[in-house]
Amino acid sequence: MSSANADPERLIRLLAETGAGNQRAFSQLYQACSSHLYALLLRMLKRRDWADEALQDCFLRVWQKADTYAPEKGAPLTWLLTVARYRALDLLRMKRPEVEMPEEGEEAPMTFADLGQSPEDGAVEREGMGKLHECMKDLQDEQKRSVLLAYYEGYTHQELARQMNAPLGTVKSWVRRGLSRLRECLDR
């Protein structure tokens, strides 16, 4: 079964069984989702060896935390992708020290409540991906591109500045304002 065709009900069942220690269910979960998670990790990390390491760590985390997954808080694949994204960001910070951490007092532009919750405290799940897509259309081109590169490709602020040929402060503002506009749109 490919991850693109992964049935959410089946994934919910596999996560529940994995949380109960069922190794066969864990293996089936890996077969159903690993290629999708690996694609995200490879896009974010841009190195196969790092993506391999992150995928292994990601599934170790899934094995340890599958019992914390709550279906009412979000889709199973969203939860798994969140685990993978966290692992990729941790690995980037560890292996690339120039990755910026938020300055003291500066709120991180996008936060996840915990591994059991979906991104943006479930807003994307409640409103649906269609709503997010519509909200993205309202962003200025620079904001849209910077948000997508930062959160789906794993670019740091410095990498964004180089990629977009813009000053670092400008890029930070694009990301911050873009995320702020997305939050406002999703809250409506």
Protein backbone atom coordinates (compact mmCIF):
# COMPACT_ATOMS: atom_id res chain seq x y z
CA MET A 1 0.00 0.00 0.00
CA SER A 2 1.52 3.32 -0.99
CA SER A 3 1.44 6.28 1.37
CA ALA A 4 -0.49 8.31 -1.20
CA ASN A 5 -3.34 5.79 -0.92
CA ALA A 6 -3.03 5.24 2.83
CA ASP A 7 -6.51 4.87 4.29
CA PRO A 8 -6.85 7.15 7.34
CA GLU A 9 -8.98 4.59 9.20
CA ARG A 10 -6.33 1.93 8.62
CA LEU A 11 -3.58 4.30 9.77
CA ILE A 12 -5.55 5.15 12.92
CA ARG A 13 -5.89 1.42 13.66
CA LEU A 14 -2.18 0.80 12.97
CA LEU A 15 -1.17 3.68 15.24
CA ALA A 16 -3.40 2.36 18.03
CA GLU A 17 -1.98 -1.16 17.67
CA THR A 18 1.57 0.22 17.50
CA GLY A 19 0.88 2.18 20.68
CA ALA A 20 -0.09 -1.12 22.31
CA GLY A 21 3.27 -2.64 21.28
CA ASN A 22 2.19 -4.60 18.19
CA GLN A 23 5.34 -4.97 16.07
CA ARG A 24 3.44 -6.27 13.03
CA ALA A 25 1.22 -3.17 13.02
CA PHE A 26 4.32 -1.00 13.33
CA SER A 27 5.85 -2.73 10.31
CA GLN A 28 2.66 -2.17 8.32
CA LEU A 29 2.59 1.47 9.39
CA TYR A 30 6.17 1.85 8.19
CA GLN A 31 5.30 0.25 4.84
CA ALA A 32 2.29 2.53 4.42
CA CYS A 33 3.92 5.85 5.34
CA SER A 34 7.71 5.71 5.17
CA SER A 35 8.02 6.83 1.54
CA HIS A 36 5.87 9.90 2.18
CA LEU A 37 7.81 10.84 5.32
CA TYR A 38 11.12 10.18 3.58
CA ALA A 39 10.17 12.51 0.72
CA LEU A 40 9.47 15.31 3.21
CA LEU A 41 12.71 14.65 5.09
CA LEU A 42 14.74 14.57 1.88
CA ARG A 43 13.20 17.87 0.75
CA MET A 44 13.95 19.51 4.07
CA LEU A 45 17.41 18.05 4.73
CA LYS A 46 18.68 17.87 1.12
CA ARG A 47 21.00 14.95 2.01
CA ARG A 48 20.11 11.28 1.74
CA ASP A 49 22.25 10.27 4.71
CA TRP A 50 20.55 12.84 6.95
CA ALA A 51 17.11 11.89 5.63
CA ASP A 52 17.88 8.20 6.33
CA GLU A 53 18.94 9.05 9.88
CA ALA A 54 15.92 11.28 10.44
CA LEU A 55 13.50 8.63 9.12
CA GLN A 56 14.93 6.04 11.49
CA ASP A 57 14.69 8.46 14.42
CA CYS A 58 11.20 9.48 13.34
CA PHE A 59 9.90 5.90 13.42
CA LEU A 60 11.63 5.27 16.72
CA ARG A 61 9.69 8.26 18.07
CA VAL A 62 6.47 6.89 16.50
CA TRP A 63 7.08 3.52 18.20
CA GLN A 64 7.57 5.28 21.53
CA LYS A 65 4.72 7.81 21.21
CA ALA A 66 2.05 6.14 19.04
CA ASP A 67 -0.17 5.77 22.09
CA THR A 68 -0.35 9.59 22.37
CA TYR A 69 -1.95 9.98 18.93
CA ALA A 70 -5.56 11.22 19.24
CA PRO A 71 -7.68 10.87 16.06
CA GLU A 72 -10.03 13.68 17.09
CA LYS A 73 -7.11 16.14 17.03
CA GLY A 74 -6.02 15.49 13.45
CA ALA A 75 -5.42 13.08 10.62
CA PRO A 76 -2.91 10.29 11.25
CA LEU A 77 -0.69 11.26 8.32
CA THR A 78 -0.60 14.86 9.58
CA TRP A 79 0.58 13.60 12.98
CA LEU A 80 3.26 11.46 11.35
CA LEU A 81 4.42 14.34 9.13
CA THR A 82 4.63 16.57 12.20
CA VAL A 83 6.86 14.01 13.94
CA ALA A 84 9.06 13.87 10.82
CA ARG A 85 9.23 17.66 10.48
CA TYR A 86 10.25 18.06 14.13
CA ARG A 87 12.99 15.49 13.67
CA ALA A 88 14.27 17.20 10.51
CA LEU A 89 14.41 20.58 12.25
CA ASP A 90 16.20 19.04 15.26
CA LEU A 91 18.73 17.42 12.95
CA LEU A 92 19.28 20.65 11.00
CA ARG A 93 19.94 22.55 14.20
CA MET A 94 22.33 19.89 15.42
CA LYS A 95 24.26 19.44 12.17
CA ARG A 96 24.11 23.01 10.87
CA PRO A 97 24.84 25.38 13.73
CA GLU A 98 24.06 28.43 11.63
CA VAL A 99 20.37 27.52 11.78
CA GLU A 100 18.74 30.34 13.69
CA MET A 101 16.88 29.78 16.89
CA PRO A 102 14.29 32.41 17.83
CA GLU A 103 15.82 35.32 19.73
CA GLU A 104 14.84 35.74 23.36
CA GLY A 105 11.38 37.22 23.55
CA GLU A 106 10.74 36.56 19.86
CA GLU A 107 7.88 34.18 19.29
CA ALA A 108 8.63 31.33 16.91
CA PRO A 109 6.68 32.04 13.72
CA MET A 110 4.79 28.74 13.77
CA THR A 111 4.41 26.46 16.74
CA PHE A 112 3.02 23.00 17.27
CA ALA A 113 1.35 22.33 20.58
CA ASP A 114 2.74 18.81 20.92
CA LEU A 115 3.16 15.64 18.91
CA GLY A 116 -0.41 14.61 19.69
CA GLN A 117 -1.84 17.77 18.14
CA SER A 118 -1.91 18.88 14.55
CA PRO A 119 -0.06 22.00 13.34
CA GLU A 120 -1.47 25.36 14.41
CA ASP A 121 -3.47 23.72 17.19
CA GLY A 122 -5.65 21.84 14.72
CA ALA A 123 -6.66 24.86 12.60
CA VAL A 124 -5.53 23.28 9.36
CA GLU A 125 -7.44 20.11 10.17
CA ARG A 126 -10.60 21.95 11.21
CA GLU A 127 -10.66 24.29 8.28
CA GLY A 128 -9.18 21.85 5.82
CA MET A 129 -6.30 22.09 3.42
CA GLY A 130 -8.54 23.93 0.97
CA LYS A 131 -8.86 26.83 3.42
CA LEU A 132 -5.09 27.01 3.82
CA HIS A 133 -4.66 26.97 0.06
CA GLU A 134 -7.15 29.84 -0.28
CA CYS A 135 -5.37 31.81 2.44
CA MET A 136 -2.01 31.30 0.70
CA LYS A 137 -3.46 33.03 -2.37
CA ASP A 138 -3.90 36.21 -0.29
CA LEU A 139 -0.19 36.46 0.53
CA GLN A 140 2.19 38.66 -1.41
CA ASP A 141 4.49 36.64 -3.68
CA GLU A 142 7.54 37.19 -1.44
CA GLN A 143 5.62 36.18 1.68
CA LYS A 144 4.20 33.07 0.04
CA ARG A 145 7.56 31.95 -1.33
CA SER A 146 9.41 32.61 1.94
CA VAL A 147 6.83 30.74 4.03
CA LEU A 148 6.83 27.76 1.67
CA LEU A 149 10.62 27.58 1.51
CA ALA A 150 10.97 27.92 5.28
CA TYR A 151 8.31 25.44 6.37
CA TYR A 152 8.14 22.90 3.57
CA GLU A 153 11.73 22.96 2.37
CA GLY A 154 13.38 23.65 5.73
CA TYR A 155 15.30 26.78 4.66
CA THR A 156 16.86 28.88 7.41
CA HIS A 157 16.49 32.66 7.39
CA GLN A 158 20.06 32.97 6.04
CA GLU A 159 19.33 30.48 3.24
CA LEU A 160 16.12 32.34 2.38
CA ALA A 161 18.04 35.62 2.16
CA ARG A 162 20.54 34.07 -0.25
CA GLN A 163 17.88 32.22 -2.27
CA MET A 164 15.63 35.26 -2.58
CA ASN A 165 18.51 37.74 -2.95
CA ALA A 166 17.14 39.93 -0.17
CA PRO A 167 18.45 41.30 3.14
CA LEU A 168 18.10 39.03 6.16
CA GLY A 169 15.80 41.42 8.02
CA THR A 170 13.51 41.69 5.01
CA VAL A 171 13.23 37.92 4.70
CA LYS A 172 12.43 37.59 8.42
CA SER A 173 9.69 40.19 7.99
CA TRP A 174 8.22 38.36 4.99
CA VAL A 175 8.03 35.13 6.96
CA ARG A 176 6.61 36.78 10.08
CA ARG A 177 4.03 38.83 8.18
CA GLY A 178 3.10 35.91 5.92
CA LEU A 179 2.46 33.66 8.91
CA SER A 180 0.53 36.40 10.66
CA ARG A 181 -1.72 36.86 7.62
CA LEU A 182 -2.24 33.09 7.38
CA ARG A 183 -3.26 32.93 11.05
CA GLU A 184 -5.70 35.82 10.58
CA CYS A 185 -7.19 34.21 7.49
CA LEU A 186 -7.53 30.79 9.15
CA ASP A 187 -9.14 32.33 12.24
CA ARG A 188 -11.89 33.95 10.16
